[in-house]
Amino acid sequence: MPTTPNIEAITTEVMNYLNTFTTKKSIGRPQIITAISKAVERLYSPMDAFMSNNNIQTIDLTNYVNVERLFAGANPFSSLDLSPLVNLKHLELFNLNGTMTSVDLSNNTALEIVNFQFSYGINAIDVSALVNLKELNIGSTAISALNISTNTLLEKLVFNNNTLSTLNISNNPLLTYLDFGGNVLSSAEIDSILATLVANNLNNGYVSLGGNNAPGSQGLTDKTTLEGRGWTVMVNS
């Protein structure tokens, strides 16, 4: 069964609505009833499904076709069929602890945010169909390779603490947040990533490449260039 928002969350929504009134005298029984109704309507939206930490191995999502945000982390999934969720935009599957090793996302082309962080059993992911993807977090998983050539809208990519040895970001001109720390990227790969970011000509970004090999001389030059554009750049020395 889906989890539900707690009393604290509902109370917060009620107070937010009541605070829109300029004086306490404006608040009576009808306004309080309206506030509670609006809070319940918002927090129990049919577009949201809360299923995290429910000790479930699989779930039938056939009747969740209108869901746009699915929160189902910290479950021991053995399998998960997301194909009915054609309107899904935000997927949270962090900290999975079951036997499932991958999830088919080919039917979820509306996805914009995907999070598998700390799902150590996940060893593969295909995001080629996710042309609307903006944020992807697969840090601390068993994934060692990734193709993001079709994800041209990607802005944030977290792929830290894995065994990543190569990654082509040349088709991702909007990337401004990258965390590839704690992998096995060579100096040449580090240099290539930094050179691509320089060529993208974006400002005020963040890139973490520590815990890999150190950049070469050109990589260090590109690091300085990025820092001059307001970037935070972390590399091995």
Protein backbone atom coordinates (compact mmCIF):
# COMPACT_ATOMS: atom_id res chain seq x y z
CA MET A 1 0.00 0.00 0.00
CA PRO A 2 1.26 3.55 -0.70
CA THR A 3 2.54 5.46 2.28
CA THR A 4 0.76 8.69 3.11
CA PRO A 5 1.96 12.15 4.12
CA ASN A 6 2.23 12.60 7.90
CA ILE A 7 0.26 14.89 10.20
CA GLU A 8 3.14 17.38 10.34
CA ALA A 9 3.03 17.80 6.56
CA ILE A 10 -0.73 18.36 6.60
CA THR A 11 -0.44 20.85 9.47
CA THR A 12 2.19 22.79 7.55
CA GLU A 13 -0.08 23.01 4.51
CA VAL A 14 -2.99 24.20 6.68
CA MET A 15 -0.88 26.92 8.31
CA ASN A 16 0.48 28.05 4.95
CA TYR A 17 -3.07 28.62 3.74
CA LEU A 18 -4.23 30.37 6.92
CA ASN A 19 -1.21 32.67 6.83
CA THR A 20 -2.55 34.16 3.60
CA PHE A 21 -5.19 35.99 5.65
CA THR A 22 -4.14 39.44 6.80
CA THR A 23 -5.79 39.31 10.26
CA LYS A 24 -6.84 36.58 12.67
CA LYS A 25 -10.36 38.04 12.66
CA SER A 26 -10.63 36.95 9.03
CA ILE A 27 -10.25 33.31 10.04
CA GLY A 28 -13.35 31.40 11.07
CA ARG A 29 -14.69 27.88 10.87
CA PRO A 30 -15.28 28.02 7.08
CA GLN A 31 -11.71 29.17 6.44
CA ILE A 32 -10.27 26.41 8.63
CA ILE A 33 -12.35 23.76 6.86
CA THR A 34 -11.19 25.11 3.50
CA ALA A 35 -7.56 25.06 4.67
CA ILE A 36 -7.79 21.41 5.73
CA SER A 37 -9.53 20.47 2.49
CA LYS A 38 -6.85 22.16 0.39
CA ALA A 39 -4.07 20.48 2.39
CA VAL A 40 -5.54 17.02 1.96
CA GLU A 41 -6.21 17.63 -1.72
CA ARG A 42 -2.63 18.72 -2.32
CA LEU A 43 -0.85 16.09 -0.25
CA TYR A 44 -3.03 13.23 -1.45
CA SER A 45 -2.78 14.26 -5.07
CA PRO A 46 -3.46 11.44 -7.55
CA MET A 47 -0.30 12.58 -9.32
CA ASP A 48 1.87 11.49 -6.36
CA ALA A 49 2.47 7.96 -5.10
CA PHE A 50 4.27 7.44 -1.78
CA MET A 51 5.51 3.84 -1.39
CA SER A 52 8.92 4.19 0.25
CA ASN A 53 10.08 1.88 3.04
CA ASN A 54 7.12 -0.50 2.80
CA ASN A 55 9.02 -3.81 2.62
CA ILE A 56 7.43 -4.67 -0.73
CA GLN A 57 9.09 -6.89 -3.36
CA THR A 58 6.85 -5.93 -6.26
CA ILE A 59 3.73 -3.86 -6.90
CA ASP A 60 1.03 -3.63 -9.54
CA LEU A 61 1.04 -0.09 -10.95
CA THR A 62 -1.65 -0.66 -13.57
CA ASN A 63 -4.03 1.79 -11.93
CA TYR A 64 -1.40 4.52 -11.47
CA VAL A 65 -1.38 5.78 -15.05
CA ASN A 66 -1.79 9.43 -13.98
CA VAL A 67 1.05 9.40 -11.46
CA GLU A 68 3.76 11.97 -12.18
CA ARG A 69 5.91 11.46 -9.07
CA LEU A 70 6.72 8.04 -7.60
CA PHE A 71 8.58 7.71 -4.30
CA ALA A 72 9.36 4.02 -3.75
CA GLY A 73 12.84 3.91 -2.23
CA ALA A 74 14.11 1.65 0.56
CA ASN A 75 12.16 -1.40 -0.62
CA PRO A 76 13.43 -4.96 -1.32
CA PHE A 77 12.12 -5.08 -4.89
CA SER A 78 12.66 -8.26 -6.87
CA SER A 79 11.01 -6.70 -9.92
CA LEU A 80 9.22 -3.49 -10.84
CA ASP A 81 7.12 -2.83 -13.93
CA LEU A 82 6.92 0.92 -14.53
CA SER A 83 5.45 0.67 -18.04
CA PRO A 84 1.93 1.82 -16.99
CA LEU A 85 3.34 5.13 -15.72
CA VAL A 86 3.41 6.94 -19.05
CA ASN A 87 3.08 10.35 -17.37
CA LEU A 88 5.84 9.80 -14.81
CA LYS A 89 8.18 12.79 -14.45
CA HIS A 90 9.97 12.14 -11.14
CA LEU A 91 11.21 8.72 -9.99
CA GLU A 92 12.77 8.10 -6.57
CA LEU A 93 14.17 4.56 -6.16
CA PHE A 94 17.03 5.31 -3.75
CA ASN A 95 18.40 2.80 -1.25
CA LEU A 96 16.79 -0.29 -2.79
CA ASN A 97 17.85 -3.48 -1.04
CA GLY A 98 16.28 -6.34 -3.00
CA THR A 99 17.42 -8.66 -5.79
CA MET A 100 16.39 -6.37 -8.65
CA THR A 101 19.38 -5.38 -10.81
CA SER A 102 17.77 -3.08 -13.37
CA VAL A 103 14.54 -1.26 -14.24
CA ASP A 104 13.05 -0.84 -17.71
CA LEU A 105 12.41 2.88 -18.27
CA SER A 106 11.71 2.71 -22.00
CA ASN A 107 8.01 3.52 -21.58
CA ASN A 108 8.59 6.43 -19.20
CA THR A 109 9.66 9.01 -21.75
CA ALA A 110 8.29 11.96 -19.74
CA LEU A 111 10.82 11.40 -16.94
CA GLU A 112 12.78 14.49 -15.91
CA ILE A 113 14.27 13.36 -12.57
CA VAL A 114 15.58 9.86 -11.76
CA ASN A 115 17.28 8.85 -8.50
CA PHE A 116 18.77 5.40 -7.80
CA GLN A 117 21.40 6.56 -5.28
CA PHE A 118 22.58 3.94 -2.75
CA SER A 119 20.74 1.16 -4.62
CA TYR A 120 23.80 -1.07 -4.57
CA GLY A 121 22.19 -3.97 -6.47
CA ILE A 122 21.35 -1.92 -9.57
CA ASN A 123 24.05 -2.72 -12.13
CA ALA A 124 22.64 -1.34 -15.38
CA ILE A 125 20.42 1.49 -16.58
CA ASP A 126 19.23 2.48 -20.05
CA VAL A 127 18.16 6.12 -20.26
CA SER A 128 18.24 6.40 -24.06
CA ALA A 129 14.45 6.87 -24.26
CA LEU A 130 14.44 9.63 -21.64
CA VAL A 131 14.82 12.63 -23.94
CA ASN A 132 13.33 14.96 -21.30
CA LEU A 133 15.72 13.90 -18.55
CA LYS A 134 17.22 16.80 -16.56
CA GLU A 135 18.56 15.14 -13.40
CA LEU A 136 20.05 11.66 -12.96
CA ASN A 137 21.52 10.26 -9.74
CA ILE A 138 23.07 6.80 -9.91
CA GLY A 139 25.74 7.35 -7.27
CA SER A 140 26.79 4.41 -5.09
CA THR A 141 25.26 1.74 -7.31
CA ALA A 142 26.84 -1.16 -9.22
CA ILE A 143 26.51 0.66 -12.55
CA SER A 144 29.85 0.94 -14.35
CA ALA A 145 28.84 2.31 -17.78
CA LEU A 146 26.37 4.90 -19.03
CA ASN A 147 25.23 6.23 -22.40
CA ILE A 148 23.70 9.71 -22.16
CA SER A 149 24.06 10.70 -25.81
CA THR A 150 20.29 11.18 -26.24
CA ASN A 151 19.80 13.12 -23.01
CA THR A 152 20.51 16.56 -24.42
CA LEU A 153 18.53 18.39 -21.70
CA LEU A 154 20.52 16.86 -18.85
CA GLU A 155 21.61 19.47 -16.29
CA LYS A 156 22.65 17.38 -13.27
CA LEU A 157 24.46 14.03 -13.21
CA VAL A 158 25.61 12.24 -10.06
CA PHE A 159 27.69 9.11 -10.80
CA ASN A 160 30.03 8.94 -7.81
CA ASN A 161 31.50 6.00 -5.90
CA ASN A 162 31.13 3.51 -8.74
CA THR A 163 33.63 1.91 -11.16
CA LEU A 164 33.18 4.34 -14.03
CA SER A 165 36.15 4.34 -16.42
CA THR A 166 34.81 6.39 -19.34
CA LEU A 167 31.93 8.76 -20.05
CA ASN A 168 31.11 10.86 -23.10
CA ILE A 169 29.30 14.10 -22.23
CA SER A 170 29.71 15.78 -25.62
CA ASN A 171 25.95 15.65 -26.31
CA ASN A 172 25.01 17.22 -22.97
CA PRO A 173 25.60 20.96 -23.41
CA LEU A 174 23.45 22.00 -20.41
CA LEU A 175 25.33 20.09 -17.70
CA THR A 176 26.21 22.37 -14.79
CA TYR A 177 26.37 19.86 -11.93
CA LEU A 178 28.54 16.75 -12.26
CA ASP A 179 29.75 14.45 -9.50
CA PHE A 180 32.00 11.67 -10.78
CA GLY A 181 34.13 11.38 -7.64
CA GLY A 182 35.42 8.03 -6.46
CA ASN A 183 35.62 6.24 -9.82
CA VAL A 184 38.48 4.96 -12.01
CA LEU A 185 38.61 7.68 -14.66
CA SER A 186 41.99 8.04 -16.36
CA SER A 187 43.83 11.35 -16.73
CA ALA A 188 42.80 11.43 -20.39
CA GLU A 189 39.14 10.98 -19.45
CA ILE A 190 39.39 13.73 -16.83
CA ASP A 191 40.93 16.06 -19.40
CA SER A 192 38.20 15.22 -21.92
CA ILE A 193 35.42 16.00 -19.43
CA LEU A 194 36.98 19.33 -18.45
CA ALA A 195 37.57 20.28 -22.09
CA THR A 196 33.93 19.58 -22.93
CA LEU A 197 32.73 21.74 -20.05
CA VAL A 198 34.96 24.59 -21.21
CA ALA A 199 33.58 24.25 -24.74
CA ASN A 200 30.00 24.36 -23.43
CA ASN A 201 30.76 27.89 -22.19
CA LEU A 202 28.45 27.80 -19.14
CA ASN A 203 28.98 29.67 -15.87
CA ASN A 204 28.66 28.91 -12.16
CA GLY A 205 28.69 25.12 -12.27
CA TYR A 206 30.04 22.33 -10.09
CA VAL A 207 32.16 19.35 -11.11
CA SER A 208 33.71 16.81 -8.75
CA LEU A 209 36.36 14.50 -10.22
CA GLY A 210 38.28 13.70 -7.05
CA GLY A 211 39.07 10.10 -6.26
CA ASN A 212 40.09 9.45 -9.88
CA ASN A 213 43.39 10.01 -11.65
CA ALA A 214 44.76 13.54 -11.68
CA PRO A 215 44.22 15.71 -14.76
CA GLY A 216 47.01 16.38 -17.23
CA SER A 217 48.47 19.78 -18.03
CA GLN A 218 45.63 20.73 -20.39
CA GLY A 219 43.12 19.54 -17.83
CA LEU A 220 44.66 21.84 -15.23
CA THR A 221 44.45 24.73 -17.69
CA ASP A 222 40.78 23.98 -18.33
CA LYS A 223 40.18 23.73 -14.57
CA THR A 224 41.50 27.28 -14.19
CA THR A 225 39.31 28.46 -17.07
CA LEU A 226 36.20 26.98 -15.48
CA GLU A 227 37.03 28.47 -12.10
CA GLY A 228 37.29 31.84 -13.80
CA ARG A 229 33.70 31.34 -14.94
CA GLY A 230 32.48 30.72 -11.42
CA TRP A 231 32.73 26.93 -11.39
CA THR A 232 33.73 24.82 -8.41
CA VAL A 233 36.15 22.19 -9.74
CA MET A 234 37.42 19.33 -7.58
CA VAL A 235 40.21 17.10 -8.93
CA ASN A 236 43.09 15.02 -7.62
CA SER A 237 46.41 16.83 -7.49
